[in-house]
Amino acid sequence: MIDPIVKELTVPVAPERAFDIFTRQIAQWWPGASHSLSASDGKLPRNITMTPGVGGCIEEELYDGSRASWGVITEWQPGRKLAFSWHLRRPEAQQTHVSVEFSASGSGTLLRLVHSDWDNMGAEAAAAREQYQSGWDVVLIECFAGAAV
């Protein structure tokens, strides 16, 4: 069993605001130039969306207008917790799981992300986990934290 990735950071906004930025404003902070399907072709995505609620999709509108699902929301507790399947660049059978918790911490929010179920990727699991280890740093520390002010 491959250990999950765990990332934590504190941002200077209330949990409800941090949740809103992470979900409804994802297109404004997600690093689409480097962390998207469009980026694989050296292009920018037209849009990245997260449809609210359990069963909602995380979706990219690629540079050519086509759409691709990155995952499906499995838990939606505004201001508290978000969880979703994740299969960016992979078949759904190889999906992993991401859980993001938002809790009050001083005058801000402690965000705790856990990315698990690496074994679903088979032989590619260890290498994929290694890429995501640093990839989540870019997504959370460089991009999300900059937007959550």
N, C-alpha and C. Protein backbone atom coordinates (compact mmCIF):
# COMPACT_ATOMS: atom_id res chain seq x y z
N MET A 1 0.84 -1.19 0.00
CA MET A 1 0.00 0.00 0.00
C MET A 1 0.89 1.25 0.00
N ILE A 2 0.58 2.16 -0.89
CA ILE A 2 1.34 3.40 -1.01
C ILE A 2 0.71 4.46 -0.12
N ASP A 3 1.55 5.12 0.68
CA ASP A 3 1.07 6.14 1.61
C ASP A 3 0.43 7.31 0.88
N PRO A 4 -0.60 7.90 1.48
CA PRO A 4 -1.20 9.09 0.88
C PRO A 4 -0.26 10.29 0.96
N ILE A 5 -0.52 11.26 0.12
CA ILE A 5 0.15 12.57 0.21
C ILE A 5 -0.70 13.40 1.17
N VAL A 6 -0.06 14.08 2.10
CA VAL A 6 -0.76 14.97 3.02
C VAL A 6 -0.09 16.34 2.93
N LYS A 7 -0.88 17.35 2.65
CA LYS A 7 -0.40 18.73 2.57
C LYS A 7 -1.25 19.60 3.47
N GLU A 8 -0.61 20.51 4.18
CA GLU A 8 -1.33 21.46 5.03
C GLU A 8 -0.80 22.85 4.80
N LEU A 9 -1.70 23.82 4.83
CA LEU A 9 -1.29 25.21 4.80
C LEU A 9 -2.37 26.05 5.44
N THR A 10 -1.97 27.19 5.95
CA THR A 10 -2.91 28.11 6.58
C THR A 10 -3.04 29.35 5.70
N VAL A 11 -4.27 29.76 5.49
CA VAL A 11 -4.54 30.96 4.70
C VAL A 11 -5.33 31.95 5.57
N PRO A 12 -5.18 33.26 5.31
CA PRO A 12 -5.76 34.29 6.19
C PRO A 12 -7.21 34.65 5.89
N VAL A 13 -8.03 33.65 5.58
CA VAL A 13 -9.47 33.89 5.35
C VAL A 13 -10.26 32.84 6.13
N ALA A 14 -11.53 33.12 6.36
CA ALA A 14 -12.39 32.19 7.08
C ALA A 14 -12.60 30.90 6.28
N PRO A 15 -12.91 29.78 6.95
CA PRO A 15 -13.12 28.51 6.25
C PRO A 15 -14.15 28.59 5.11
N GLU A 16 -15.23 29.32 5.32
CA GLU A 16 -16.26 29.44 4.28
C GLU A 16 -15.70 30.11 3.03
N ARG A 17 -14.88 31.14 3.25
CA ARG A 17 -14.27 31.86 2.13
C ARG A 17 -13.22 30.98 1.44
N ALA A 18 -12.41 30.28 2.21
CA ALA A 18 -11.39 29.39 1.62
C ALA A 18 -12.06 28.30 0.78
N PHE A 19 -13.14 27.74 1.27
CA PHE A 19 -13.89 26.71 0.54
C PHE A 19 -14.43 27.29 -0.77
N ASP A 20 -14.99 28.48 -0.71
CA ASP A 20 -15.54 29.13 -1.89
C ASP A 20 -14.46 29.39 -2.95
N ILE A 21 -13.32 29.87 -2.51
CA ILE A 21 -12.22 30.11 -3.44
C ILE A 21 -11.77 28.79 -4.06
N PHE A 22 -11.61 27.77 -3.24
CA PHE A 22 -11.12 26.48 -3.73
C PHE A 22 -12.09 25.87 -4.75
N THR A 23 -13.38 26.03 -4.54
CA THR A 23 -14.38 25.37 -5.38
C THR A 23 -14.93 26.26 -6.49
N ARG A 24 -15.65 27.26 -6.13
CA ARG A 24 -16.35 28.10 -7.12
C ARG A 24 -15.40 28.98 -7.93
N GLN A 25 -14.24 29.30 -7.38
CA GLN A 25 -13.30 30.18 -8.08
C GLN A 25 -12.07 29.44 -8.60
N ILE A 26 -12.19 28.15 -8.78
CA ILE A 26 -11.03 27.33 -9.17
C ILE A 26 -10.35 27.83 -10.45
N ALA A 27 -11.11 28.32 -11.39
CA ALA A 27 -10.52 28.79 -12.66
C ALA A 27 -9.61 29.99 -12.46
N GLN A 28 -9.83 30.74 -11.38
CA GLN A 28 -9.05 31.95 -11.16
C GLN A 28 -7.70 31.68 -10.51
N TRP A 29 -7.53 30.53 -9.87
CA TRP A 29 -6.26 30.28 -9.19
C TRP A 29 -5.55 29.00 -9.64
N TRP A 30 -6.28 28.06 -10.24
CA TRP A 30 -5.64 26.80 -10.65
C TRP A 30 -4.59 27.08 -11.72
N PRO A 31 -3.40 26.48 -11.62
CA PRO A 31 -2.33 26.74 -12.59
C PRO A 31 -2.54 26.00 -13.92
N GLY A 32 -3.52 26.44 -14.69
CA GLY A 32 -3.87 25.78 -15.94
C GLY A 32 -2.75 25.76 -16.97
N ALA A 33 -1.84 26.72 -16.90
CA ALA A 33 -0.72 26.77 -17.86
C ALA A 33 0.24 25.59 -17.68
N SER A 34 0.23 24.99 -16.49
CA SER A 34 1.14 23.87 -16.23
C SER A 34 0.43 22.61 -15.75
N HIS A 35 -0.74 22.73 -15.16
CA HIS A 35 -1.42 21.60 -14.54
C HIS A 35 -2.81 21.40 -15.16
N SER A 36 -2.83 21.05 -16.43
CA SER A 36 -4.08 20.80 -17.14
C SER A 36 -3.80 19.92 -18.35
N LEU A 37 -4.87 19.43 -18.95
CA LEU A 37 -4.72 18.65 -20.19
C LEU A 37 -4.26 19.56 -21.33
N SER A 38 -4.77 20.78 -21.37
CA SER A 38 -4.36 21.73 -22.41
C SER A 38 -2.87 22.00 -22.34
N ALA A 39 -2.33 22.08 -21.13
CA ALA A 39 -0.90 22.34 -20.95
C ALA A 39 -0.04 21.27 -21.60
N SER A 40 -0.56 20.05 -21.69
CA SER A 40 0.18 18.97 -22.35
C SER A 40 0.46 19.29 -23.81
N ASP A 41 -0.38 20.15 -24.40
CA ASP A 41 -0.19 20.58 -25.79
C ASP A 41 0.38 22.00 -25.87
N GLY A 42 0.87 22.51 -24.75
CA GLY A 42 1.45 23.85 -24.72
C GLY A 42 0.41 24.96 -24.83
N LYS A 43 -0.83 24.67 -24.46
CA LYS A 43 -1.92 25.65 -24.57
C LYS A 43 -2.52 25.92 -23.19
N LEU A 44 -3.36 26.93 -23.14
CA LEU A 44 -4.11 27.26 -21.93
C LEU A 44 -5.52 26.70 -22.04
N PRO A 45 -6.07 26.19 -20.94
CA PRO A 45 -7.48 25.77 -20.99
C PRO A 45 -8.38 27.00 -21.11
N ARG A 46 -9.54 26.81 -21.72
CA ARG A 46 -10.51 27.90 -21.79
C ARG A 46 -11.15 28.14 -20.43
N ASN A 47 -11.35 27.04 -19.67
CA ASN A 47 -11.99 27.18 -18.37
C ASN A 47 -11.75 25.91 -17.56
N ILE A 48 -11.84 26.05 -16.25
CA ILE A 48 -11.81 24.93 -15.32
C ILE A 48 -12.96 25.18 -14.36
N THR A 49 -13.83 24.18 -14.19
CA THR A 49 -15.01 24.37 -13.35
C THR A 49 -15.16 23.22 -12.36
N MET A 50 -15.83 23.54 -11.26
CA MET A 50 -16.20 22.54 -10.28
C MET A 50 -17.69 22.74 -10.01
N THR A 51 -18.50 21.79 -10.44
CA THR A 51 -19.94 21.87 -10.24
C THR A 51 -20.26 21.52 -8.79
N PRO A 52 -20.90 22.42 -8.04
CA PRO A 52 -21.14 22.20 -6.62
C PRO A 52 -21.99 20.97 -6.33
N GLY A 53 -21.70 20.32 -5.21
CA GLY A 53 -22.52 19.23 -4.69
C GLY A 53 -22.01 17.85 -5.05
N VAL A 54 -22.45 16.88 -4.26
CA VAL A 54 -22.07 15.49 -4.51
C VAL A 54 -22.56 15.10 -5.90
N GLY A 55 -21.68 14.48 -6.67
CA GLY A 55 -21.98 14.10 -8.05
C GLY A 55 -21.56 15.14 -9.06
N GLY A 56 -21.18 16.34 -8.58
CA GLY A 56 -20.70 17.39 -9.48
C GLY A 56 -19.36 17.02 -10.08
N CYS A 57 -19.06 17.58 -11.21
CA CYS A 57 -17.81 17.27 -11.91
C CYS A 57 -16.77 18.37 -11.76
N ILE A 58 -15.53 17.97 -11.76
CA ILE A 58 -14.41 18.89 -11.93
C ILE A 58 -14.03 18.71 -13.39
N GLU A 59 -14.09 19.79 -14.15
CA GLU A 59 -13.99 19.66 -15.59
C GLU A 59 -13.13 20.77 -16.20
N GLU A 60 -12.41 20.39 -17.22
CA GLU A 60 -11.63 21.34 -18.00
C GLU A 60 -12.27 21.52 -19.36
N GLU A 61 -12.41 22.78 -19.77
CA GLU A 61 -12.74 23.07 -21.16
C GLU A 61 -11.40 23.34 -21.82
N LEU A 62 -10.99 22.43 -22.69
CA LEU A 62 -9.68 22.53 -23.32
C LEU A 62 -9.64 23.68 -24.31
N TYR A 63 -8.43 24.02 -24.74
CA TYR A 63 -8.20 25.12 -25.67
C TYR A 63 -8.99 24.97 -26.96
N ASP A 64 -9.32 23.73 -27.35
CA ASP A 64 -10.03 23.50 -28.61
C ASP A 64 -11.54 23.44 -28.42
N GLY A 65 -12.03 23.69 -27.20
CA GLY A 65 -13.46 23.68 -26.93
C GLY A 65 -14.00 22.34 -26.43
N SER A 66 -13.21 21.29 -26.52
CA SER A 66 -13.66 19.99 -26.00
C SER A 66 -13.61 20.02 -24.47
N ARG A 67 -14.26 19.07 -23.86
CA ARG A 67 -14.33 19.01 -22.39
C ARG A 67 -13.78 17.69 -21.90
N ALA A 68 -13.17 17.74 -20.72
CA ALA A 68 -12.63 16.53 -20.11
C ALA A 68 -12.87 16.57 -18.61
N SER A 69 -13.32 15.46 -18.07
CA SER A 69 -13.56 15.35 -16.64
C SER A 69 -12.25 15.03 -15.94
N TRP A 70 -12.01 15.71 -14.82
CA TRP A 70 -10.85 15.41 -13.98
C TRP A 70 -11.27 14.55 -12.79
N GLY A 71 -12.55 14.61 -12.43
CA GLY A 71 -13.03 13.85 -11.28
C GLY A 71 -14.46 14.19 -10.95
N VAL A 72 -14.98 13.49 -9.92
CA VAL A 72 -16.36 13.66 -9.50
C VAL A 72 -16.38 13.91 -7.99
N ILE A 73 -17.18 14.87 -7.56
CA ILE A 73 -17.27 15.21 -6.15
C ILE A 73 -18.03 14.12 -5.39
N THR A 74 -17.41 13.65 -4.32
CA THR A 74 -18.00 12.59 -3.51
C THR A 74 -18.45 13.08 -2.14
N GLU A 75 -17.99 14.26 -1.73
CA GLU A 75 -18.41 14.86 -0.46
C GLU A 75 -18.37 16.37 -0.61
N TRP A 76 -19.41 17.04 -0.14
CA TRP A 76 -19.53 18.49 -0.28
C TRP A 76 -20.14 19.06 0.99
N GLN A 77 -19.30 19.62 1.85
CA GLN A 77 -19.74 20.26 3.08
C GLN A 77 -19.16 21.68 3.09
N PRO A 78 -19.89 22.65 2.53
CA PRO A 78 -19.36 24.00 2.40
C PRO A 78 -18.74 24.54 3.69
N GLY A 79 -17.53 25.06 3.55
CA GLY A 79 -16.80 25.61 4.68
C GLY A 79 -16.13 24.57 5.55
N ARG A 80 -16.33 23.28 5.26
CA ARG A 80 -15.78 22.23 6.11
C ARG A 80 -14.96 21.19 5.35
N LYS A 81 -15.57 20.58 4.33
CA LYS A 81 -14.88 19.47 3.67
C LYS A 81 -15.36 19.29 2.24
N LEU A 82 -14.42 18.87 1.42
CA LEU A 82 -14.65 18.56 0.02
C LEU A 82 -13.87 17.30 -0.29
N ALA A 83 -14.47 16.36 -1.02
CA ALA A 83 -13.75 15.17 -1.44
C ALA A 83 -14.16 14.85 -2.87
N PHE A 84 -13.22 14.28 -3.63
CA PHE A 84 -13.51 13.96 -5.02
C PHE A 84 -12.60 12.86 -5.54
N SER A 85 -13.12 12.15 -6.54
CA SER A 85 -12.27 11.22 -7.28
C SER A 85 -11.38 12.07 -8.17
N TRP A 86 -10.24 11.50 -8.59
CA TRP A 86 -9.28 12.26 -9.39
C TRP A 86 -8.67 11.33 -10.43
N HIS A 87 -8.87 11.68 -11.71
CA HIS A 87 -8.31 10.84 -12.78
C HIS A 87 -7.79 11.67 -13.95
N LEU A 88 -7.21 12.81 -13.63
CA LEU A 88 -6.62 13.67 -14.65
C LEU A 88 -5.55 12.89 -15.42
N ARG A 89 -5.70 12.84 -16.73
CA ARG A 89 -4.77 12.15 -17.64
C ARG A 89 -4.79 10.62 -17.48
N ARG A 90 -5.77 10.07 -16.82
CA ARG A 90 -5.83 8.63 -16.59
C ARG A 90 -7.25 8.11 -16.80
N PRO A 91 -7.37 6.82 -17.10
CA PRO A 91 -8.72 6.23 -17.17
C PRO A 91 -9.37 6.25 -15.78
N GLU A 92 -10.69 6.31 -15.74
CA GLU A 92 -11.39 6.35 -14.46
C GLU A 92 -11.07 5.15 -13.58
N ALA A 93 -10.76 4.02 -14.18
CA ALA A 93 -10.41 2.83 -13.39
C ALA A 93 -9.15 3.04 -12.56
N GLN A 94 -8.33 4.03 -12.92
CA GLN A 94 -7.10 4.33 -12.19
C GLN A 94 -7.25 5.57 -11.30
N GLN A 95 -8.49 5.94 -10.99
CA GLN A 95 -8.71 7.15 -10.20
C GLN A 95 -8.15 7.02 -8.79
N THR A 96 -7.73 8.17 -8.30
CA THR A 96 -7.30 8.29 -6.91
C THR A 96 -8.37 9.09 -6.18
N HIS A 97 -8.11 9.44 -4.94
CA HIS A 97 -9.10 10.15 -4.14
C HIS A 97 -8.43 11.33 -3.44
N VAL A 98 -9.09 12.47 -3.47
CA VAL A 98 -8.59 13.67 -2.82
C VAL A 98 -9.64 14.16 -1.82
N SER A 99 -9.18 14.45 -0.62
CA SER A 99 -10.03 15.00 0.43
C SER A 99 -9.40 16.30 0.90
N VAL A 100 -10.22 17.35 1.03
CA VAL A 100 -9.72 18.65 1.47
C VAL A 100 -10.59 19.12 2.63
N GLU A 101 -9.96 19.33 3.79
CA GLU A 101 -10.68 19.80 4.96
C GLU A 101 -10.28 21.25 5.24
N PHE A 102 -11.26 22.04 5.68
CA PHE A 102 -11.08 23.45 5.99
C PHE A 102 -11.49 23.64 7.45
N SER A 103 -10.55 24.05 8.29
CA SER A 103 -10.89 24.26 9.71
C SER A 103 -10.33 25.60 10.20
N ALA A 104 -11.09 26.23 11.08
CA ALA A 104 -10.67 27.52 11.63
C ALA A 104 -9.36 27.35 12.38
N SER A 105 -8.46 28.31 12.16
CA SER A 105 -7.16 28.30 12.82
C SER A 105 -6.74 29.75 13.06
N GLY A 106 -6.84 30.17 14.31
CA GLY A 106 -6.53 31.58 14.60
C GLY A 106 -7.46 32.49 13.83
N SER A 107 -6.91 33.40 13.05
CA SER A 107 -7.74 34.31 12.26
C SER A 107 -7.86 33.85 10.81
N GLY A 108 -7.57 32.58 10.56
CA GLY A 108 -7.63 32.06 9.19
C GLY A 108 -8.16 30.65 9.13
N THR A 109 -7.67 29.92 8.14
CA THR A 109 -8.13 28.55 7.88
C THR A 109 -6.94 27.64 7.66
N LEU A 110 -6.98 26.51 8.33
CA LEU A 110 -6.02 25.44 8.06
C LEU A 110 -6.65 24.55 7.01
N LEU A 111 -6.01 24.44 5.86
CA LEU A 111 -6.44 23.56 4.79
C LEU A 111 -5.59 22.30 4.88
N ARG A 112 -6.23 21.14 4.89
CA ARG A 112 -5.53 19.86 4.93
C ARG A 112 -6.00 19.02 3.76
N LEU A 113 -5.09 18.74 2.83
CA LEU A 113 -5.38 17.94 1.64
C LEU A 113 -4.74 16.57 1.81
N VAL A 114 -5.52 15.52 1.55
CA VAL A 114 -5.03 14.15 1.57
C VAL A 114 -5.35 13.53 0.21
N HIS A 115 -4.32 13.09 -0.49
CA HIS A 115 -4.47 12.45 -1.81
C HIS A 115 -4.09 10.99 -1.64
N SER A 116 -5.04 10.09 -1.85
CA SER A 116 -4.85 8.66 -1.54
C SER A 116 -5.32 7.76 -2.68
N ASP A 117 -5.29 6.46 -2.40
CA ASP A 117 -5.71 5.39 -3.32
C ASP A 117 -4.77 5.25 -4.52
N TRP A 118 -3.49 5.43 -4.28
CA TRP A 118 -2.48 5.33 -5.34
C TRP A 118 -2.42 3.94 -5.95
N ASP A 119 -2.74 2.92 -5.18
CA ASP A 119 -2.65 1.56 -5.68
C ASP A 119 -3.57 1.31 -6.87
N ASN A 120 -4.60 2.14 -7.06
CA ASN A 120 -5.47 2.02 -8.23
C ASN A 120 -4.73 2.22 -9.54
N MET A 121 -3.55 2.84 -9.49
CA MET A 121 -2.79 3.13 -10.70
C MET A 121 -1.87 1.99 -11.11
N GLY A 122 -1.83 0.94 -10.34
CA GLY A 122 -1.00 -0.20 -10.70
C GLY A 122 0.47 0.13 -10.70
N ALA A 123 1.17 -0.32 -11.74
CA ALA A 123 2.62 -0.18 -11.82
C ALA A 123 3.09 1.27 -11.87
N GLU A 124 2.22 2.19 -12.27
CA GLU A 124 2.58 3.61 -12.39
C GLU A 124 2.38 4.39 -11.08
N ALA A 125 1.88 3.73 -10.05
CA ALA A 125 1.46 4.41 -8.83
C ALA A 125 2.59 5.19 -8.14
N ALA A 126 3.72 4.56 -7.92
CA ALA A 126 4.81 5.21 -7.19
C ALA A 126 5.32 6.45 -7.94
N ALA A 127 5.48 6.34 -9.25
CA ALA A 127 5.96 7.47 -10.04
C ALA A 127 4.93 8.60 -10.06
N ALA A 128 3.66 8.24 -10.19
CA ALA A 128 2.60 9.26 -10.19
C ALA A 128 2.55 9.98 -8.84
N ARG A 129 2.65 9.21 -7.76
CA ARG A 129 2.62 9.82 -6.43
C ARG A 129 3.77 10.82 -6.27
N GLU A 130 4.94 10.46 -6.76
CA GLU A 130 6.10 11.34 -6.65
C GLU A 130 5.86 12.66 -7.39
N GLN A 131 5.24 12.59 -8.57
CA GLN A 131 4.95 13.82 -9.32
C GLN A 131 3.93 14.69 -8.59
N TYR A 132 2.92 14.05 -8.02
CA TYR A 132 1.89 14.81 -7.30
C TYR A 132 2.42 15.40 -6.00
N GLN A 133 3.41 14.76 -5.41
CA GLN A 133 3.99 15.28 -4.17
C GLN A 133 4.44 16.73 -4.37
N SER A 134 5.17 16.99 -5.45
CA SER A 134 5.60 18.36 -5.72
C SER A 134 4.52 19.16 -6.46
N GLY A 135 3.68 18.48 -7.23
CA GLY A 135 2.61 19.16 -7.95
C GLY A 135 1.62 19.85 -7.03
N TRP A 136 1.28 19.18 -5.92
CA TRP A 136 0.36 19.81 -4.98
C TRP A 136 0.98 21.03 -4.31
N ASP A 137 2.31 21.05 -4.17
CA ASP A 137 2.96 22.24 -3.62
C ASP A 137 2.72 23.44 -4.54
N VAL A 138 2.85 23.24 -5.83
CA VAL A 138 2.60 24.31 -6.79
C VAL A 138 1.14 24.75 -6.70
N VAL A 139 0.24 23.78 -6.75
CA VAL A 139 -1.19 24.09 -6.76
C VAL A 139 -1.62 24.81 -5.48
N LEU A 140 -1.20 24.29 -4.34
CA LEU A 140 -1.66 24.85 -3.07
C LEU A 140 -0.85 26.05 -2.59
N ILE A 141 0.46 25.89 -2.52
CA ILE A 141 1.30 26.93 -1.93
C ILE A 141 1.50 28.11 -2.86
N GLU A 142 1.80 27.83 -4.11
CA GLU A 142 2.06 28.93 -5.04
C GLU A 142 0.79 29.57 -5.60
N CYS A 143 -0.26 28.75 -5.79
CA CYS A 143 -1.45 29.28 -6.46
C CYS A 143 -2.64 29.52 -5.53
N PHE A 144 -3.11 28.49 -4.85
CA PHE A 144 -4.27 28.68 -3.97
C PHE A 144 -3.99 29.69 -2.87
N ALA A 145 -2.86 29.55 -2.20
CA ALA A 145 -2.53 30.47 -1.09
C ALA A 145 -2.48 31.92 -1.57
N GLY A 146 -2.01 32.13 -2.78
CA GLY A 146 -1.97 33.49 -3.33
C GLY A 146 -3.34 34.07 -3.61
N ALA A 147 -4.32 33.20 -3.87
CA ALA A 147 -5.68 33.65 -4.16
C ALA A 147 -6.50 33.82 -2.89
N ALA A 148 -6.12 33.08 -1.84
CA ALA A 148 -6.91 33.08 -0.60
C ALA A 148 -6.43 34.18 0.35
N VAL A 149 -6.63 35.41 -0.09
CA VAL A 149 -6.23 36.56 0.73
C VAL A 149 -7.41 37.50 0.91
